[in-house]
Amino acid sequence: MRVVKARSGRDEAGLSEQPLGVLVPFLVGLITTIWFTIGGVRDLRDFFQALRTLKRDASDDGRVRVSGEDQKEAELAKMEGSAFPVIEKPTVVPAKG
């Protein structure tokens, strides 16, 4: 007569043979998640604190100013027909009203 040993679902999945194979990645992931969450909360707090205390410049319109050296290079490239990007002054259109 043959005796068959019953196996639980846990043994079939192989978890009893390699408990560290599941536990170690889970713990590393949990620690990393907690670490990133703490860092993210600190960064957000610092970010909003900086926004509250930031001195704003009303004259800043968002444009990038070109230095004299860059302007000379752009003008030379424009005259020579070079592939150098041409930097032109923006044209201001008066508002209707």
Protein backbone atom coordinates (compact mmCIF):
# COMPACT_ATOMS: atom_id res chain seq x y z
CA MET A 1 0.00 0.00 0.00
CA ARG A 2 1.31 3.43 -0.96
CA VAL A 3 1.15 6.34 1.52
CA VAL A 4 0.77 9.78 0.02
CA LYS A 5 1.76 12.69 2.18
CA ALA A 6 -0.58 15.66 1.94
CA ARG A 7 1.01 18.96 1.02
CA SER A 8 -0.28 22.35 1.98
CA GLY A 9 -0.46 25.28 -0.44
CA ARG A 10 2.49 26.82 1.35
CA ASP A 11 4.79 23.94 0.47
CA GLU A 12 3.61 23.88 -3.13
CA ALA A 13 4.59 27.51 -3.54
CA GLY A 14 8.07 26.76 -2.18
CA LEU A 15 7.84 29.37 0.54
CA SER A 16 8.86 27.02 3.32
CA GLU A 17 12.05 26.11 1.48
CA GLN A 18 13.16 29.70 0.79
CA PRO A 19 11.66 32.08 3.34
CA LEU A 20 14.41 34.65 2.78
CA GLY A 21 13.70 34.68 -0.94
CA VAL A 22 10.46 36.52 -0.23
CA LEU A 23 11.20 38.21 3.07
CA VAL A 24 14.42 40.03 2.11
CA PRO A 25 13.04 41.80 -1.01
CA PHE A 26 9.88 42.69 0.91
CA LEU A 27 11.87 44.27 3.75
CA VAL A 28 14.18 46.13 1.37
CA GLY A 29 11.15 47.49 -0.49
CA LEU A 30 9.42 48.50 2.75
CA ILE A 31 12.50 50.28 4.11
CA THR A 32 13.07 52.06 0.78
CA THR A 33 9.44 53.18 0.64
CA ILE A 34 9.59 54.61 4.16
CA TRP A 35 12.93 56.29 3.43
CA PHE A 36 11.66 57.95 0.21
CA THR A 37 8.41 59.01 1.89
CA ILE A 38 10.24 60.75 4.74
CA GLY A 39 12.58 62.49 2.28
CA GLY A 40 9.70 63.53 0.03
CA VAL A 41 7.71 65.01 2.92
CA ARG A 42 10.77 66.97 4.10
CA ASP A 43 11.44 68.28 0.58
CA LEU A 44 7.80 69.36 0.13
CA ARG A 45 7.86 71.15 3.50
CA ASP A 46 11.07 72.98 2.54
CA PHE A 47 9.66 73.81 -0.91
CA PHE A 48 6.50 75.42 0.46
CA GLN A 49 8.48 77.26 3.14
CA ALA A 50 10.73 78.70 0.40
CA LEU A 51 7.68 79.75 -1.63
CA ARG A 52 6.24 81.54 1.41
CA THR A 53 9.42 83.53 2.10
CA LEU A 54 10.67 84.06 -1.47
CA LYS A 55 11.23 87.66 -2.52
CA ARG A 56 9.67 88.12 -5.94
CA ASP A 57 11.08 90.39 -8.64
CA ALA A 58 8.26 92.30 -10.35
CA SER A 59 10.51 93.23 -13.27
CA ASP A 60 11.13 89.57 -14.19
CA ASP A 61 9.10 88.80 -17.31
CA GLY A 62 10.54 85.30 -17.82
CA ARG A 63 12.76 86.09 -20.80
CA VAL A 64 16.37 84.97 -20.94
CA ARG A 65 18.72 87.88 -21.45
CA VAL A 66 21.56 87.45 -23.94
CA SER A 67 25.00 88.57 -22.84
CA GLY A 68 27.08 90.84 -25.06
CA GLU A 69 29.44 88.01 -26.07
CA ASP A 70 26.58 85.73 -27.14
CA GLN A 71 24.93 88.57 -29.05
CA LYS A 72 28.13 89.20 -31.06
CA GLU A 73 28.44 85.50 -31.94
CA ALA A 74 24.81 85.36 -33.04
CA GLU A 75 25.18 88.43 -35.25
CA LEU A 76 28.35 87.01 -36.87
CA ALA A 77 26.63 83.69 -37.51
CA LYS A 78 23.60 85.45 -39.00
CA MET A 79 25.86 87.35 -41.42
CA GLU A 80 27.78 84.21 -42.40
CA GLY A 81 24.64 82.11 -42.86
CA SER A 82 25.83 79.63 -40.25
CA ALA A 83 23.72 76.94 -38.58
CA PHE A 84 24.36 78.72 -35.29
CA PRO A 85 21.01 79.56 -33.67
CA VAL A 86 20.06 83.14 -34.37
CA ILE A 87 18.99 85.17 -31.37
CA GLU A 88 16.72 88.03 -32.28
CA LYS A 89 15.20 90.66 -30.08
CA PRO A 90 11.49 90.10 -29.47
CA THR A 91 9.10 92.51 -31.12
CA VAL A 92 6.66 94.24 -28.83
CA VAL A 93 3.14 94.66 -30.14
CA PRO A 94 1.19 97.40 -28.36
CA ALA A 95 -1.99 96.23 -26.68
CA LYS A 96 -5.28 97.39 -28.13
CA GLY A 97 -7.43 99.32 -25.81
